[in-house]
Amino acid sequence: MAIKQIKSVADIPTAELDDWGPVELPVSEQISQLHGRIINEHEDGSEAGIWECTPGTWTRQVMDAEISTFVKGHALFHPVDGETIDIKTGDTVYFDENSKGIWEVKETVRKAYLTFKRG
């Protein structure tokens, strides 16, 4: 397995990330746009990468467990069960598998993430 290093993730121009299109389940008139880069994929569907999202509100669809460190921006996550999570630059967030809720992106966010299968 190769070791991969991505320097200054927060400073990569959006134009250098892949265009992943709009979110699939928007719940506001402002439709978030996604950009990113997959750094590594595993045959079980786990992946690591960089993810960026513009402002808007939408339903989270990732049902794998995920850990992410946010390198820029501001967002709120409103879980179906529990208190709203206020996420800002420098925060690390863990989502257990099947975490459901609504993303409310206040200013464009970017994160380094790892999704993985549990069990």
N, C-alpha and C. Protein backbone atom coordinates (compact mmCIF):
# COMPACT_ATOMS: atom_id res chain seq x y z
N MET A 1 0.84 -1.18 0.00
CA MET A 1 0.00 0.00 0.00
C MET A 1 0.88 1.24 0.00
N ALA A 2 0.56 2.16 -0.84
CA ALA A 2 1.32 3.40 -0.93
C ALA A 2 0.87 4.39 0.13
N ILE A 3 1.81 5.17 0.61
CA ILE A 3 1.48 6.26 1.51
C ILE A 3 1.22 7.48 0.65
N LYS A 4 0.11 8.17 0.92
CA LYS A 4 -0.26 9.35 0.14
C LYS A 4 -0.34 10.54 1.07
N GLN A 5 0.21 11.65 0.64
CA GLN A 5 0.14 12.89 1.41
C GLN A 5 -0.45 13.97 0.53
N ILE A 6 -1.44 14.66 1.04
CA ILE A 6 -2.04 15.80 0.36
C ILE A 6 -1.72 17.01 1.23
N LYS A 7 -0.94 17.93 0.70
CA LYS A 7 -0.52 19.09 1.48
C LYS A 7 -1.55 20.21 1.41
N SER A 8 -1.69 20.92 2.51
CA SER A 8 -2.53 22.12 2.60
C SER A 8 -3.92 21.89 2.02
N VAL A 9 -4.62 20.90 2.55
CA VAL A 9 -5.95 20.53 2.05
C VAL A 9 -6.90 21.73 2.00
N ALA A 10 -6.82 22.61 2.98
CA ALA A 10 -7.72 23.78 3.01
C ALA A 10 -7.45 24.75 1.87
N ASP A 11 -6.23 24.72 1.33
CA ASP A 11 -5.83 25.70 0.31
C ASP A 11 -5.95 25.19 -1.12
N ILE A 12 -6.35 23.95 -1.33
CA ILE A 12 -6.49 23.43 -2.70
C ILE A 12 -7.63 24.20 -3.37
N PRO A 13 -7.39 24.80 -4.54
CA PRO A 13 -8.48 25.50 -5.23
C PRO A 13 -9.61 24.53 -5.58
N THR A 14 -10.84 24.98 -5.41
CA THR A 14 -12.00 24.14 -5.74
C THR A 14 -11.90 23.60 -7.15
N ALA A 15 -11.39 24.40 -8.08
CA ALA A 15 -11.27 23.98 -9.48
C ALA A 15 -10.37 22.75 -9.65
N GLU A 16 -9.52 22.47 -8.66
CA GLU A 16 -8.64 21.30 -8.74
C GLU A 16 -9.28 20.04 -8.13
N LEU A 17 -10.48 20.19 -7.57
CA LEU A 17 -11.22 19.05 -7.05
C LEU A 17 -12.19 18.57 -8.12
N ASP A 18 -12.64 17.33 -8.02
CA ASP A 18 -13.63 16.81 -8.96
C ASP A 18 -15.00 17.41 -8.67
N ASP A 19 -15.75 17.70 -9.72
CA ASP A 19 -17.11 18.22 -9.58
C ASP A 19 -18.04 17.03 -9.35
N TRP A 20 -18.61 16.93 -8.16
CA TRP A 20 -19.51 15.83 -7.82
C TRP A 20 -20.97 16.22 -7.98
N GLY A 21 -21.23 17.44 -8.46
CA GLY A 21 -22.60 17.86 -8.73
C GLY A 21 -23.37 18.30 -7.49
N PRO A 22 -24.68 18.48 -7.65
CA PRO A 22 -25.50 18.93 -6.52
C PRO A 22 -25.81 17.79 -5.55
N VAL A 23 -26.15 18.16 -4.32
CA VAL A 23 -26.60 17.16 -3.35
C VAL A 23 -27.87 16.51 -3.87
N GLU A 24 -28.11 15.27 -3.48
CA GLU A 24 -29.25 14.52 -4.02
C GLU A 24 -30.57 14.79 -3.32
N LEU A 25 -30.53 15.19 -2.05
CA LEU A 25 -31.77 15.39 -1.30
C LEU A 25 -31.81 16.77 -0.64
N PRO A 26 -31.87 17.85 -1.45
CA PRO A 26 -31.93 19.19 -0.86
C PRO A 26 -33.25 19.41 -0.13
N VAL A 27 -33.20 20.23 0.92
CA VAL A 27 -34.43 20.61 1.63
C VAL A 27 -34.54 22.13 1.72
N SER A 28 -33.76 22.83 0.90
CA SER A 28 -33.84 24.29 0.83
C SER A 28 -33.75 24.70 -0.64
N GLU A 29 -34.14 25.94 -0.91
CA GLU A 29 -34.05 26.44 -2.29
C GLU A 29 -32.60 26.55 -2.75
N GLN A 30 -31.70 26.86 -1.82
CA GLN A 30 -30.28 26.95 -2.14
C GLN A 30 -29.73 25.52 -2.16
N ILE A 31 -29.36 25.04 -3.35
CA ILE A 31 -28.91 23.66 -3.49
C ILE A 31 -27.39 23.60 -3.41
N SER A 32 -26.91 22.89 -2.41
CA SER A 32 -25.46 22.74 -2.21
C SER A 32 -24.83 22.00 -3.38
N GLN A 33 -23.61 22.42 -3.73
CA GLN A 33 -22.81 21.77 -4.76
C GLN A 33 -21.64 21.07 -4.08
N LEU A 34 -21.31 19.89 -4.57
CA LEU A 34 -20.25 19.08 -3.98
C LEU A 34 -19.03 19.01 -4.89
N HIS A 35 -17.86 19.05 -4.28
CA HIS A 35 -16.59 18.83 -4.97
C HIS A 35 -15.75 17.95 -4.07
N GLY A 36 -14.82 17.23 -4.64
CA GLY A 36 -13.98 16.40 -3.80
C GLY A 36 -12.94 15.64 -4.58
N ARG A 37 -12.24 14.82 -3.85
CA ARG A 37 -11.22 13.95 -4.44
C ARG A 37 -11.14 12.69 -3.58
N ILE A 38 -11.32 11.55 -4.21
CA ILE A 38 -11.15 10.29 -3.49
C ILE A 38 -9.67 9.95 -3.50
N ILE A 39 -9.12 9.75 -2.32
CA ILE A 39 -7.70 9.45 -2.18
C ILE A 39 -7.45 7.95 -2.21
N ASN A 40 -8.37 7.19 -1.61
CA ASN A 40 -8.22 5.74 -1.59
C ASN A 40 -9.58 5.09 -1.43
N GLU A 41 -9.79 3.98 -2.13
CA GLU A 41 -11.02 3.20 -2.01
C GLU A 41 -10.66 1.76 -1.68
N HIS A 42 -11.50 1.13 -0.88
CA HIS A 42 -11.31 -0.28 -0.53
C HIS A 42 -12.43 -1.09 -1.17
N GLU A 43 -12.17 -2.35 -1.43
CA GLU A 43 -13.17 -3.20 -2.09
C GLU A 43 -14.46 -3.34 -1.29
N ASP A 44 -14.42 -3.08 0.04
CA ASP A 44 -15.65 -3.18 0.84
C ASP A 44 -16.50 -1.91 0.78
N GLY A 45 -16.04 -0.91 0.02
CA GLY A 45 -16.79 0.34 -0.11
C GLY A 45 -16.27 1.46 0.78
N SER A 46 -15.34 1.16 1.67
CA SER A 46 -14.73 2.20 2.49
C SER A 46 -13.92 3.13 1.60
N GLU A 47 -13.85 4.40 1.98
CA GLU A 47 -13.03 5.32 1.19
C GLU A 47 -12.51 6.45 2.05
N ALA A 48 -11.42 7.05 1.58
CA ALA A 48 -10.83 8.22 2.21
C ALA A 48 -10.74 9.30 1.15
N GLY A 49 -10.94 10.55 1.56
CA GLY A 49 -10.86 11.61 0.58
C GLY A 49 -11.03 12.99 1.16
N ILE A 50 -11.21 13.92 0.24
CA ILE A 50 -11.46 15.33 0.54
C ILE A 50 -12.85 15.63 0.01
N TRP A 51 -13.64 16.34 0.77
CA TRP A 51 -15.03 16.65 0.42
C TRP A 51 -15.28 18.12 0.69
N GLU A 52 -15.94 18.79 -0.25
CA GLU A 52 -16.29 20.20 -0.10
C GLU A 52 -17.76 20.37 -0.45
N CYS A 53 -18.44 21.25 0.29
CA CYS A 53 -19.86 21.48 0.07
C CYS A 53 -20.17 22.96 0.24
N THR A 54 -20.90 23.53 -0.73
CA THR A 54 -21.31 24.93 -0.67
C THR A 54 -22.57 25.06 0.20
N PRO A 55 -22.93 26.30 0.58
CA PRO A 55 -24.09 26.49 1.47
C PRO A 55 -25.40 25.91 0.92
N GLY A 56 -26.22 25.49 1.86
CA GLY A 56 -27.53 24.92 1.57
C GLY A 56 -27.91 23.94 2.68
N THR A 57 -29.11 23.40 2.58
CA THR A 57 -29.62 22.46 3.58
C THR A 57 -30.09 21.21 2.87
N TRP A 58 -29.71 20.04 3.40
CA TRP A 58 -30.01 18.78 2.72
C TRP A 58 -29.92 17.60 3.68
N THR A 59 -30.47 16.48 3.24
CA THR A 59 -30.51 15.26 4.05
C THR A 59 -29.25 14.43 3.84
N ARG A 60 -28.63 14.02 4.94
CA ARG A 60 -27.43 13.17 4.89
C ARG A 60 -27.81 11.79 4.39
N GLN A 61 -26.99 11.25 3.47
CA GLN A 61 -27.27 9.94 2.88
C GLN A 61 -26.22 8.89 3.18
N VAL A 62 -25.06 9.27 3.67
CA VAL A 62 -23.99 8.30 3.93
C VAL A 62 -24.38 7.45 5.13
N MET A 63 -24.51 6.17 4.93
CA MET A 63 -24.93 5.29 6.02
C MET A 63 -23.77 4.50 6.62
N ASP A 64 -22.57 4.66 6.07
CA ASP A 64 -21.37 4.06 6.66
C ASP A 64 -20.96 4.88 7.87
N ALA A 65 -20.15 4.30 8.73
CA ALA A 65 -19.51 5.07 9.79
C ALA A 65 -18.52 6.03 9.12
N GLU A 66 -18.30 7.18 9.73
CA GLU A 66 -17.42 8.19 9.12
C GLU A 66 -16.74 9.00 10.20
N ILE A 67 -15.46 9.31 9.98
CA ILE A 67 -14.76 10.28 10.80
C ILE A 67 -14.21 11.34 9.86
N SER A 68 -14.40 12.61 10.24
CA SER A 68 -14.00 13.72 9.39
C SER A 68 -13.37 14.82 10.22
N THR A 69 -12.34 15.45 9.65
CA THR A 69 -11.76 16.65 10.22
C THR A 69 -12.04 17.79 9.26
N PHE A 70 -12.70 18.82 9.77
CA PHE A 70 -13.09 19.96 8.95
C PHE A 70 -11.95 20.97 8.92
N VAL A 71 -11.53 21.32 7.71
CA VAL A 71 -10.38 22.20 7.54
C VAL A 71 -10.79 23.61 7.13
N LYS A 72 -12.08 23.79 6.81
CA LYS A 72 -12.58 25.13 6.59
C LYS A 72 -14.09 25.14 6.59
N GLY A 73 -14.65 26.31 6.89
CA GLY A 73 -16.09 26.50 6.81
C GLY A 73 -16.84 26.37 8.12
N HIS A 74 -18.17 26.40 7.98
CA HIS A 74 -19.07 26.33 9.13
C HIS A 74 -20.36 25.65 8.71
N ALA A 75 -20.80 24.68 9.49
CA ALA A 75 -22.04 23.96 9.22
C ALA A 75 -22.67 23.51 10.52
N LEU A 76 -23.95 23.25 10.44
CA LEU A 76 -24.68 22.62 11.54
C LEU A 76 -25.16 21.26 11.06
N PHE A 77 -25.12 20.27 11.94
CA PHE A 77 -25.73 18.98 11.62
C PHE A 77 -26.82 18.75 12.64
N HIS A 78 -28.03 18.52 12.14
CA HIS A 78 -29.20 18.30 12.98
C HIS A 78 -29.54 16.80 12.93
N PRO A 79 -29.03 16.00 13.89
CA PRO A 79 -29.32 14.57 13.87
C PRO A 79 -30.80 14.30 14.16
N VAL A 80 -31.31 13.21 13.61
CA VAL A 80 -32.69 12.82 13.88
C VAL A 80 -32.87 12.63 15.39
N ASP A 81 -31.88 12.03 16.03
CA ASP A 81 -31.92 11.82 17.48
C ASP A 81 -30.74 12.57 18.09
N GLY A 82 -31.02 13.58 18.89
CA GLY A 82 -29.93 14.27 19.57
C GLY A 82 -29.88 15.76 19.29
N GLU A 83 -28.89 16.37 19.90
CA GLU A 83 -28.69 17.81 19.82
C GLU A 83 -27.98 18.21 18.53
N THR A 84 -28.25 19.42 18.07
CA THR A 84 -27.57 19.96 16.89
C THR A 84 -26.08 20.07 17.17
N ILE A 85 -25.28 19.72 16.17
CA ILE A 85 -23.82 19.80 16.27
C ILE A 85 -23.35 20.99 15.45
N ASP A 86 -22.65 21.92 16.08
CA ASP A 86 -22.11 23.12 15.43
C ASP A 86 -20.67 22.81 15.03
N ILE A 87 -20.40 22.77 13.72
CA ILE A 87 -19.10 22.32 13.21
C ILE A 87 -18.36 23.49 12.58
N LYS A 88 -17.13 23.71 13.03
CA LYS A 88 -16.30 24.80 12.52
C LYS A 88 -14.91 24.27 12.19
N THR A 89 -14.14 25.11 11.50
CA THR A 89 -12.78 24.77 11.12
C THR A 89 -12.01 24.21 12.31
N GLY A 90 -11.35 23.08 12.09
CA GLY A 90 -10.54 22.44 13.12
C GLY A 90 -11.26 21.35 13.89
N ASP A 91 -12.58 21.25 13.72
CA ASP A 91 -13.35 20.23 14.44
C ASP A 91 -13.24 18.86 13.76
N THR A 92 -13.23 17.82 14.57
CA THR A 92 -13.31 16.45 14.09
C THR A 92 -14.63 15.88 14.57
N VAL A 93 -15.35 15.23 13.65
CA VAL A 93 -16.67 14.69 13.96
C VAL A 93 -16.70 13.21 13.57
N TYR A 94 -17.27 12.39 14.44
CA TYR A 94 -17.48 10.97 14.14
C TYR A 94 -18.98 10.72 13.99
N PHE A 95 -19.36 10.12 12.87
CA PHE A 95 -20.74 9.70 12.64
C PHE A 95 -20.76 8.18 12.72
N ASP A 96 -21.56 7.62 13.62
CA ASP A 96 -21.71 6.17 13.65
C ASP A 96 -22.50 5.74 12.42
N GLU A 97 -22.45 4.45 12.10
CA GLU A 97 -23.19 3.97 10.93
C GLU A 97 -24.68 4.29 11.10
N ASN A 98 -25.32 4.54 9.97
CA ASN A 98 -26.75 4.85 9.92
C ASN A 98 -27.11 6.14 10.65
N SER A 99 -26.16 7.08 10.79
CA SER A 99 -26.47 8.38 11.38
C SER A 99 -27.30 9.18 10.39
N LYS A 100 -28.49 9.56 10.80
CA LYS A 100 -29.39 10.29 9.92
C LYS A 100 -29.62 11.69 10.45
N GLY A 101 -29.84 12.62 9.52
CA GLY A 101 -30.10 13.99 9.92
C GLY A 101 -30.02 14.94 8.75
N ILE A 102 -30.01 16.22 9.09
CA ILE A 102 -30.01 17.29 8.10
C ILE A 102 -28.74 18.12 8.24
N TRP A 103 -28.05 18.31 7.12
CA TRP A 103 -26.91 19.23 7.05
C TRP A 103 -27.43 20.63 6.75
N GLU A 104 -26.91 21.61 7.46
CA GLU A 104 -27.19 23.02 7.19
C GLU A 104 -25.82 23.71 7.05
N VAL A 105 -25.39 23.86 5.81
CA VAL A 105 -24.06 24.43 5.55
C VAL A 105 -24.20 25.95 5.50
N LYS A 106 -23.56 26.63 6.43
CA LYS A 106 -23.63 28.09 6.55
C LYS A 106 -22.62 28.78 5.64
N GLU A 107 -21.38 28.24 5.62
CA GLU A 107 -20.35 28.73 4.70
C GLU A 107 -19.62 27.50 4.19
N THR A 108 -19.14 27.57 2.96
CA THR A 108 -18.54 26.40 2.32
C THR A 108 -17.62 25.66 3.27
N VAL A 109 -17.87 24.35 3.41
CA VAL A 109 -17.06 23.51 4.28
C VAL A 109 -16.20 22.57 3.45
N ARG A 110 -15.07 22.23 4.02
CA ARG A 110 -14.19 21.23 3.41
C ARG A 110 -13.69 20.33 4.53
N LYS A 111 -13.63 19.04 4.24
CA LYS A 111 -13.17 18.09 5.26
C LYS A 111 -12.32 17.01 4.62
N ALA A 112 -11.45 16.43 5.43
CA ALA A 112 -10.77 15.19 5.08
C ALA A 112 -11.55 14.11 5.81
N TYR A 113 -11.90 13.04 5.09
CA TYR A 113 -12.81 12.06 5.67
C TYR A 113 -12.35 10.63 5.42
N LEU A 114 -12.88 9.75 6.26
CA LEU A 114 -12.75 8.31 6.08
C LEU A 114 -14.10 7.69 6.39
N THR A 115 -14.69 7.01 5.41
CA THR A 115 -15.91 6.23 5.66
C THR A 115 -15.49 4.77 5.74
N PHE A 116 -16.19 4.01 6.58
CA PHE A 116 -15.81 2.61 6.73
C PHE A 116 -16.99 1.77 7.17
N LYS A 117 -16.88 0.49 6.88
CA LYS A 117 -17.89 -0.49 7.27
C LYS A 117 -17.59 -0.97 8.67
N ARG A 118 -18.63 -1.15 9.47
CA ARG A 118 -18.46 -1.69 10.82
C ARG A 118 -18.96 -3.11 10.83
N GLY A 119 -18.31 -3.92 11.62
CA GLY A 119 -18.82 -5.27 11.79
C GLY A 119 -18.09 -6.31 11.04
